[in-house]
Amino acid sequence: MTDADGRSLAGAKILTEPSPISEIAPSRSRSDGSFDLARYGLPPGRYTVTARLEGYHDASVEVDARTGPVHVEIVLHSDGG
């Protein structure tokens, strides 16, 4: 997870649909911008992963995690505030 300039963003809230992990235990990005949803026991499937961080617009990506771990890059853009 980075900003538009490529800087890592820590503390972004990570949500998934159709099984929102936020109701189980919110996941947050680490200091290097990475996050790991596997520890929440999500079953293999297709998900929309959304990152949310104060001061930035939300960003979402479609993830197909039916075959194992997936690496995705999410870029958050400042909301100008």
PDB file of N, CA and C in Angstrom:
ATOM      1  N   MET A   1       0.836  -1.145   0.000  1.00  0.00           N
ATOM      2  CA  MET A   1       0.000   0.000   0.000  1.00  0.00           C
ATOM      3  C   MET A   1       0.893   1.222   0.000  1.00  0.00           C
ATOM      4  N   THR A   2       0.677   2.086  -0.971  1.00  0.00           N
ATOM      5  CA  THR A   2       1.489   3.293  -1.072  1.00  0.00           C
ATOM      6  C   THR A   2       0.603   4.488  -1.385  1.00  0.00           C
ATOM      7  N   ASP A   3       1.217   5.682  -1.268  1.00  0.00           N
ATOM      8  CA  ASP A   3       0.535   6.870  -1.745  1.00  0.00           C
ATOM      9  C   ASP A   3       0.950   7.083  -3.199  1.00  0.00           C
ATOM     10  N   ALA A   4       0.461   8.141  -3.807  1.00  0.00           N
ATOM     11  CA  ALA A   4       0.728   8.387  -5.226  1.00  0.00           C
ATOM     12  C   ALA A   4       2.211   8.609  -5.520  1.00  0.00           C
ATOM     13  N   ASP A   5       3.000   8.966  -4.496  1.00  0.00           N
ATOM     14  CA  ASP A   5       4.431   9.182  -4.669  1.00  0.00           C
ATOM     15  C   ASP A   5       5.256   7.932  -4.360  1.00  0.00           C
ATOM     16  N   GLY A   6       4.589   6.803  -4.067  1.00  0.00           N
ATOM     17  CA  GLY A   6       5.289   5.558  -3.810  1.00  0.00           C
ATOM     18  C   GLY A   6       5.711   5.343  -2.374  1.00  0.00           C
ATOM     19  N   ARG A   7       5.306   6.234  -1.459  1.00  0.00           N
ATOM     20  CA  ARG A   7       5.651   6.062  -0.041  1.00  0.00           C
ATOM     21  C   ARG A   7       4.703   5.057   0.602  1.00  0.00           C
ATOM     22  N   SER A   8       5.260   4.165   1.414  1.00  0.00           N
ATOM     23  CA  SER A   8       4.454   3.166   2.126  1.00  0.00           C
ATOM     24  C   SER A   8       3.503   3.851   3.094  1.00  0.00           C
ATOM     25  N   LEU A   9       2.303   3.290   3.199  1.00  0.00           N
ATOM     26  CA  LEU A   9       1.299   3.832   4.114  1.00  0.00           C
ATOM     27  C   LEU A   9       0.953   2.795   5.169  1.00  0.00           C
ATOM     28  N   ALA A  10       1.206   3.129   6.413  1.00  0.00           N
ATOM     29  CA  ALA A  10       0.882   2.242   7.539  1.00  0.00           C
ATOM     30  C   ALA A  10      -0.461   2.627   8.132  1.00  0.00           C
ATOM     31  N   GLY A  11      -1.150   1.652   8.684  1.00  0.00           N
ATOM     32  CA  GLY A  11      -2.369   1.916   9.430  1.00  0.00           C
ATOM     33  C   GLY A  11      -3.639   2.011   8.621  1.00  0.00           C
ATOM     34  N   ALA A  12      -3.568   1.748   7.316  1.00  0.00           N
ATOM     35  CA  ALA A  12      -4.783   1.781   6.505  1.00  0.00           C
ATOM     36  C   ALA A  12      -5.679   0.612   6.898  1.00  0.00           C
ATOM     37  N   LYS A  13      -6.960   0.863   7.036  1.00  0.00           N
ATOM     38  CA  LYS A  13      -7.916  -0.191   7.356  1.00  0.00           C
ATOM     39  C   LYS A  13      -8.195  -0.976   6.084  1.00  0.00           C
ATOM     40  N   ILE A  14      -8.156  -2.306   6.188  1.00  0.00           N
ATOM     41  CA  ILE A  14      -8.368  -3.188   5.048  1.00  0.00           C
ATOM     42  C   ILE A  14      -9.712  -3.894   5.227  1.00  0.00           C
ATOM     43  N   LEU A  15     -10.578  -3.782   4.231  1.00  0.00           N
ATOM     44  CA  LEU A  15     -11.901  -4.399   4.254  1.00  0.00           C
ATOM     45  C   LEU A  15     -12.041  -5.334   3.074  1.00  0.00           C
ATOM     46  N   THR A  16     -12.820  -6.391   3.230  1.00  0.00           N
ATOM     47  CA  THR A  16     -13.073  -7.291   2.110  1.00  0.00           C
ATOM     48  C   THR A  16     -14.567  -7.482   1.926  1.00  0.00           C
ATOM     49  N   GLU A  17     -14.964  -7.650   0.712  1.00  0.00           N
ATOM     50  CA  GLU A  17     -16.338  -8.004   0.354  1.00  0.00           C
ATOM     51  C   GLU A  17     -16.238  -9.219  -0.546  1.00  0.00           C
ATOM     52  N   PRO A  18     -17.041 -10.230  -0.404  1.00  0.00           N
ATOM     53  CA  PRO A  18     -18.314 -10.263   0.297  1.00  0.00           C
ATOM     54  C   PRO A  18     -18.233 -10.651   1.763  1.00  0.00           C
ATOM     55  N   SER A  19     -17.068 -10.947   2.303  1.00  0.00           N
ATOM     56  CA  SER A  19     -16.965 -11.338   3.714  1.00  0.00           C
ATOM     57  C   SER A  19     -16.162 -10.286   4.455  1.00  0.00           C
ATOM     58  N   PRO A  20     -16.827  -9.244   4.934  1.00  0.00           N
ATOM     59  CA  PRO A  20     -16.070  -8.148   5.560  1.00  0.00           C
ATOM     60  C   PRO A  20     -15.351  -8.588   6.832  1.00  0.00           C
ATOM     61  N   ILE A  21     -14.029  -8.583   6.770  1.00  0.00           N
ATOM     62  CA  ILE A  21     -13.260  -8.981   7.946  1.00  0.00           C
ATOM     63  C   ILE A  21     -13.347  -7.929   9.031  1.00  0.00           C
ATOM     64  N   SER A  22     -13.790  -6.724   8.688  1.00  0.00           N
ATOM     65  CA  SER A  22     -13.879  -5.680   9.702  1.00  0.00           C
ATOM     66  C   SER A  22     -14.827  -6.087  10.822  1.00  0.00           C
ATOM     67  N   GLU A  23     -15.770  -6.974  10.523  1.00  0.00           N
ATOM     68  CA  GLU A  23     -16.688  -7.437  11.558  1.00  0.00           C
ATOM     69  C   GLU A  23     -16.038  -8.481  12.457  1.00  0.00           C
ATOM     70  N   ILE A  24     -14.963  -9.107  11.973  1.00  0.00           N
ATOM     71  CA  ILE A  24     -14.252 -10.119  12.757  1.00  0.00           C
ATOM     72  C   ILE A  24     -13.129  -9.431  13.537  1.00  0.00           C
ATOM     73  N   ALA A  25     -12.207  -8.869  12.818  1.00  0.00           N
ATOM     74  CA  ALA A  25     -11.070  -8.150  13.402  1.00  0.00           C
ATOM     75  C   ALA A  25     -10.480  -7.282  12.306  1.00  0.00           C
ATOM     76  N   PRO A  26     -10.540  -5.971  12.469  1.00  0.00           N
ATOM     77  CA  PRO A  26     -10.022  -5.102  11.405  1.00  0.00           C
ATOM     78  C   PRO A  26      -8.554  -5.390  11.104  1.00  0.00           C
ATOM     79  N   SER A  27      -8.229  -5.464   9.841  1.00  0.00           N
ATOM     80  CA  SER A  27      -6.843  -5.619   9.424  1.00  0.00           C
ATOM     81  C   SER A  27      -6.321  -4.229   9.070  1.00  0.00           C
ATOM     82  N   ARG A  28      -5.068  -3.994   9.364  1.00  0.00           N
ATOM     83  CA  ARG A  28      -4.439  -2.706   9.049  1.00  0.00           C
ATOM     84  C   ARG A  28      -3.117  -2.964   8.339  1.00  0.00           C
ATOM     85  N   SER A  29      -2.755  -2.033   7.478  1.00  0.00           N
ATOM     86  CA  SER A  29      -1.474  -2.174   6.784  1.00  0.00           C
ATOM     87  C   SER A  29      -0.325  -1.936   7.774  1.00  0.00           C
ATOM     88  N   ARG A  30       0.779  -2.661   7.535  1.00  0.00           N
ATOM     89  CA  ARG A  30       1.973  -2.553   8.379  1.00  0.00           C
ATOM     90  C   ARG A  30       2.790  -1.322   7.988  1.00  0.00           C
ATOM     91  N   SER A  31       3.888  -1.090   8.689  1.00  0.00           N
ATOM     92  CA  SER A  31       4.725   0.089   8.433  1.00  0.00           C
ATOM     93  C   SER A  31       5.279   0.113   7.020  1.00  0.00           C
ATOM     94  N   ASP A  32       5.445  -1.075   6.405  1.00  0.00           N
ATOM     95  CA  ASP A  32       5.951  -1.125   5.028  1.00  0.00           C
ATOM     96  C   ASP A  32       4.812  -1.102   4.003  1.00  0.00           C
ATOM     97  N   GLY A  33       3.570  -0.919   4.485  1.00  0.00           N
ATOM     98  CA  GLY A  33       2.415  -0.858   3.593  1.00  0.00           C
ATOM     99  C   GLY A  33       1.794  -2.206   3.283  1.00  0.00           C
ATOM    100  N   SER A  34       2.396  -3.288   3.768  1.00  0.00           N
ATOM    101  CA  SER A  34       1.873  -4.619   3.453  1.00  0.00           C
ATOM    102  C   SER A  34       0.741  -4.995   4.402  1.00  0.00           C
ATOM    103  N   PHE A  35      -0.035  -5.981   3.990  1.00  0.00           N
ATOM    104  CA  PHE A  35      -1.082  -6.529   4.842  1.00  0.00           C
ATOM    105  C   PHE A  35      -1.302  -7.971   4.453  1.00  0.00           C
ATOM    106  N   ASP A  36      -1.838  -8.767   5.390  1.00  0.00           N
ATOM    107  CA  ASP A  36      -2.013 -10.195   5.174  1.00  0.00           C
ATOM    108  C   ASP A  36      -3.397 -10.593   5.648  1.00  0.00           C
ATOM    109  N   LEU A  37      -4.238 -10.968   4.710  1.00  0.00           N
ATOM    110  CA  LEU A  37      -5.596 -11.366   5.061  1.00  0.00           C
ATOM    111  C   LEU A  37      -5.706 -12.853   5.378  1.00  0.00           C
ATOM    112  N   ALA A  38      -4.694 -13.635   5.040  1.00  0.00           N
ATOM    113  CA  ALA A  38      -4.756 -15.087   5.246  1.00  0.00           C
ATOM    114  C   ALA A  38      -4.943 -15.451   6.712  1.00  0.00           C
ATOM    115  N   ARG A  39      -4.397 -14.666   7.600  1.00  0.00           N
ATOM    116  CA  ARG A  39      -4.495 -14.988   9.024  1.00  0.00           C
ATOM    117  C   ARG A  39      -5.916 -14.909   9.558  1.00  0.00           C
ATOM    118  N   TYR A  40      -6.829 -14.332   8.774  1.00  0.00           N
ATOM    119  CA  TYR A  40      -8.226 -14.241   9.194  1.00  0.00           C
ATOM    120  C   TYR A  40      -9.060 -15.423   8.714  1.00  0.00           C
ATOM    121  N   GLY A  41      -8.420 -16.358   8.029  1.00  0.00           N
ATOM    122  CA  GLY A  41      -9.112 -17.569   7.625  1.00  0.00           C
ATOM    123  C   GLY A  41     -10.127 -17.368   6.515  1.00  0.00           C
ATOM    124  N   LEU A  42      -9.915 -16.376   5.668  1.00  0.00           N
ATOM    125  CA  LEU A  42     -10.827 -16.193   4.537  1.00  0.00           C
ATOM    126  C   LEU A  42     -10.726 -17.392   3.608  1.00  0.00           C
ATOM    127  N   PRO A  43     -11.828 -17.958   3.223  1.00  0.00           N
ATOM    128  CA  PRO A  43     -11.776 -19.086   2.293  1.00  0.00           C
ATOM    129  C   PRO A  43     -11.345 -18.616   0.907  1.00  0.00           C
ATOM    130  N   PRO A  44     -10.768 -19.502   0.106  1.00  0.00           N
ATOM    131  CA  PRO A  44     -10.412 -19.132  -1.257  1.00  0.00           C
ATOM    132  C   PRO A  44     -11.642 -18.588  -1.981  1.00  0.00           C
ATOM    133  N   GLY A  45     -11.437 -17.579  -2.807  1.00  0.00           N
ATOM    134  CA  GLY A  45     -12.548 -16.987  -3.546  1.00  0.00           C
ATOM    135  C   GLY A  45     -12.168 -15.664  -4.166  1.00  0.00           C
ATOM    136  N   ARG A  46     -13.175 -15.005  -4.707  1.00  0.00           N
ATOM    137  CA  ARG A  46     -12.991 -13.682  -5.306  1.00  0.00           C
ATOM    138  C   ARG A  46     -13.468 -12.642  -4.302  1.00  0.00           C
ATOM    139  N   TYR A  47     -12.661 -11.608  -4.131  1.00  0.00           N
ATOM    140  CA  TYR A  47     -12.966 -10.562  -3.160  1.00  0.00           C
ATOM    141  C   TYR A  47     -12.690  -9.181  -3.748  1.00  0.00           C
ATOM    142  N   THR A  48     -13.390  -8.209  -3.218  1.00  0.00           N
ATOM    143  CA  THR A  48     -13.029  -6.814  -3.421  1.00  0.00           C
ATOM    144  C   THR A  48     -12.332  -6.384  -2.149  1.00  0.00           C
ATOM    145  N   VAL A  49     -11.090  -5.943  -2.279  1.00  0.00           N
ATOM    146  CA  VAL A  49     -10.306  -5.484  -1.141  1.00  0.00           C
ATOM    147  C   VAL A  49     -10.253  -3.963  -1.203  1.00  0.00           C
ATOM    148  N   THR A  50     -10.687  -3.327  -0.115  1.00  0.00           N
ATOM    149  CA  THR A  50     -10.722  -1.870  -0.054  1.00  0.00           C
ATOM    150  C   THR A  50      -9.805  -1.386   1.056  1.00  0.00           C
ATOM    151  N   ALA A  51      -9.009  -0.358   0.754  1.00  0.00           N
ATOM    152  CA  ALA A  51      -8.133   0.272   1.745  1.00  0.00           C
ATOM    153  C   ALA A  51      -8.711   1.638   2.087  1.00  0.00           C
ATOM    154  N   ARG A  52      -8.693   1.954   3.373  1.00  0.00           N
ATOM    155  CA  ARG A  52      -9.280   3.206   3.859  1.00  0.00           C
ATOM    156  C   ARG A  52      -8.313   3.821   4.870  1.00  0.00           C
ATOM    157  N   LEU A  53      -7.935   5.069   4.633  1.00  0.00           N
ATOM    158  CA  LEU A  53      -7.014   5.771   5.534  1.00  0.00           C
ATOM    159  C   LEU A  53      -7.394   7.237   5.563  1.00  0.00           C
ATOM    160  N   GLU A  54      -7.480   7.798   6.768  1.00  0.00           N
ATOM    161  CA  GLU A  54      -7.845   9.208   6.907  1.00  0.00           C
ATOM    162  C   GLU A  54      -6.892  10.080   6.097  1.00  0.00           C
ATOM    163  N   GLY A  55      -7.465  11.029   5.367  1.00  0.00           N
ATOM    164  CA  GLY A  55      -6.672  11.934   4.543  1.00  0.00           C
ATOM    165  C   GLY A  55      -6.485  11.459   3.112  1.00  0.00           C
ATOM    166  N   TYR A  56      -7.033  10.260   2.804  1.00  0.00           N
ATOM    167  CA  TYR A  56      -6.902   9.681   1.472  1.00  0.00           C
ATOM    168  C   TYR A  56      -8.261   9.194   0.984  1.00  0.00           C
ATOM    169  N   HIS A  57      -8.415   9.140  -0.325  1.00  0.00           N
ATOM    170  CA  HIS A  57      -9.604   8.531  -0.917  1.00  0.00           C
ATOM    171  C   HIS A  57      -9.486   7.016  -0.783  1.00  0.00           C
ATOM    172  N   ASP A  58     -10.603   6.352  -0.521  1.00  0.00           N
ATOM    173  CA  ASP A  58     -10.609   4.883  -0.499  1.00  0.00           C
ATOM    174  C   ASP A  58     -10.180   4.359  -1.867  1.00  0.00           C
ATOM    175  N   ALA A  59      -9.547   3.194  -1.870  1.00  0.00           N
ATOM    176  CA  ALA A  59      -9.165   2.538  -3.122  1.00  0.00           C
ATOM    177  C   ALA A  59      -9.507   1.061  -3.003  1.00  0.00           C
ATOM    178  N   SER A  60     -10.021   0.493  -4.096  1.00  0.00           N
ATOM    179  CA  SER A  60     -10.413  -0.920  -4.103  1.00  0.00           C
ATOM    180  C   SER A  60      -9.791  -1.640  -5.280  1.00  0.00           C
ATOM    181  N   VAL A  61      -9.518  -2.928  -5.077  1.00  0.00           N
ATOM    182  CA  VAL A  61      -9.039  -3.801  -6.141  1.00  0.00           C
ATOM    183  C   VAL A  61      -9.791  -5.114  -6.059  1.00  0.00           C
ATOM    184  N   GLU A  62      -9.964  -5.749  -7.203  1.00  0.00           N
ATOM    185  CA  GLU A  62     -10.577  -7.078  -7.270  1.00  0.00           C
ATOM    186  C   GLU A  62      -9.465  -8.108  -7.125  1.00  0.00           C
ATOM    187  N   VAL A  63      -9.683  -9.103  -6.281  1.00  0.00           N
ATOM    188  CA  VAL A  63      -8.675 -10.119  -6.006  1.00  0.00           C
ATOM    189  C   VAL A  63      -9.275 -11.498  -6.226  1.00  0.00           C
ATOM    190  N   ASP A  64      -8.566 -12.338  -6.967  1.00  0.00           N
ATOM    191  CA  ASP A  64      -8.969 -13.721  -7.150  1.00  0.00           C
ATOM    192  C   ASP A  64      -8.025 -14.579  -6.327  1.00  0.00           C
ATOM    193  N   ALA A  65      -8.480 -14.965  -5.144  1.00  0.00           N
ATOM    194  CA  ALA A  65      -7.640 -15.728  -4.220  1.00  0.00           C
ATOM    195  C   ALA A  65      -8.089 -17.182  -4.156  1.00  0.00           C
ATOM    196  N   ARG A  66      -8.472 -17.718  -5.305  1.00  0.00           N
ATOM    197  CA  ARG A  66      -8.928 -19.108  -5.338  1.00  0.00           C
ATOM    198  C   ARG A  66      -7.785 -20.098  -5.399  1.00  0.00           C
ATOM    199  N   THR A  67      -6.606 -19.648  -5.811  1.00  0.00           N
ATOM    200  CA  THR A  67      -5.498 -20.579  -6.019  1.00  0.00           C
ATOM    201  C   THR A  67      -4.350 -20.382  -5.046  1.00  0.00           C
ATOM    202  N   GLY A  68      -4.499 -19.532  -4.051  1.00  0.00           N
ATOM    203  CA  GLY A  68      -3.428 -19.318  -3.084  1.00  0.00           C
ATOM    204  C   GLY A  68      -3.149 -17.855  -2.862  1.00  0.00           C
ATOM    205  N   PRO A  69      -2.021 -17.549  -2.221  1.00  0.00           N
ATOM    206  CA  PRO A  69      -1.680 -16.163  -1.904  1.00  0.00           C
ATOM    207  C   PRO A  69      -1.618 -15.292  -3.147  1.00  0.00           C
ATOM    208  N   VAL A  70      -2.019 -14.051  -2.984  1.00  0.00           N
ATOM    209  CA  VAL A  70      -2.053 -13.092  -4.084  1.00  0.00           C
ATOM    210  C   VAL A  70      -1.357 -11.810  -3.635  1.00  0.00           C
ATOM    211  N   HIS A  71      -0.545 -11.252  -4.505  1.00  0.00           N
ATOM    212  CA  HIS A  71       0.095  -9.964  -4.248  1.00  0.00           C
ATOM    213  C   HIS A  71      -0.675  -8.900  -5.021  1.00  0.00           C
ATOM    214  N   VAL A  72      -1.141  -7.880  -4.330  1.00  0.00           N
ATOM    215  CA  VAL A  72      -1.827  -6.770  -4.989  1.00  0.00           C
ATOM    216  C   VAL A  72      -1.176  -5.472  -4.558  1.00  0.00           C
ATOM    217  N   GLU A  73      -1.257  -4.491  -5.422  1.00  0.00           N
ATOM    218  CA  GLU A  73      -0.758  -3.166  -5.089  1.00  0.00           C
ATOM    219  C   GLU A  73      -1.939  -2.220  -5.052  1.00  0.00           C
ATOM    220  N   ILE A  74      -2.045  -1.493  -3.952  1.00  0.00           N
ATOM    221  CA  ILE A  74      -3.101  -0.511  -3.797  1.00  0.00           C
ATOM    222  C   ILE A  74      -2.441   0.846  -3.598  1.00  0.00           C
ATOM    223  N   VAL A  75      -2.885   1.825  -4.386  1.00  0.00           N
ATOM    224  CA  VAL A  75      -2.362   3.178  -4.292  1.00  0.00           C
ATOM    225  C   VAL A  75      -3.488   4.073  -3.792  1.00  0.00           C
ATOM    226  N   LEU A  76      -3.214   4.776  -2.690  1.00  0.00           N
ATOM    227  CA  LEU A  76      -4.185   5.726  -2.153  1.00  0.00           C
ATOM    228  C   LEU A  76      -3.779   7.129  -2.556  1.00  0.00           C
ATOM    229  N   HIS A  77      -4.768   7.919  -2.952  1.00  0.00           N
ATOM    230  CA  HIS A  77      -4.533   9.297  -3.369  1.00  0.00           C
ATOM    231  C   HIS A  77      -5.065  10.246  -2.304  1.00  0.00           C
ATOM    232  N   SER A  78      -4.274  11.256  -2.001  1.00  0.00           N
ATOM    233  CA  SER A  78      -4.650  12.233  -0.988  1.00  0.00           C
ATOM    234  C   SER A  78      -5.971  12.887  -1.336  1.00  0.00           C
ATOM    235  N   ASP A  79      -6.770  13.161  -0.292  1.00  0.00           N
ATOM    236  CA  ASP A  79      -8.041  13.839  -0.539  1.00  0.00           C
ATOM    237  C   ASP A  79      -7.863  15.360  -0.520  1.00  0.00           C
ATOM    238  N   GLY A  80      -6.600  15.801  -0.383  1.00  0.00           N
ATOM    239  CA  GLY A  80      -6.299  17.228  -0.447  1.00  0.00           C
ATOM    240  C   GLY A  80      -6.600  17.973   0.829  1.00  0.00           C
ATOM    241  N   GLY A  81      -7.049  17.244   1.846  1.00  0.00           N
ATOM    242  CA  GLY A  81      -7.430  17.887   3.110  1.00  0.00           C
ATOM    243  C   GLY A  81      -6.312  18.047   3.997  1.00  0.00           C
TER     244      GLY A  81
END
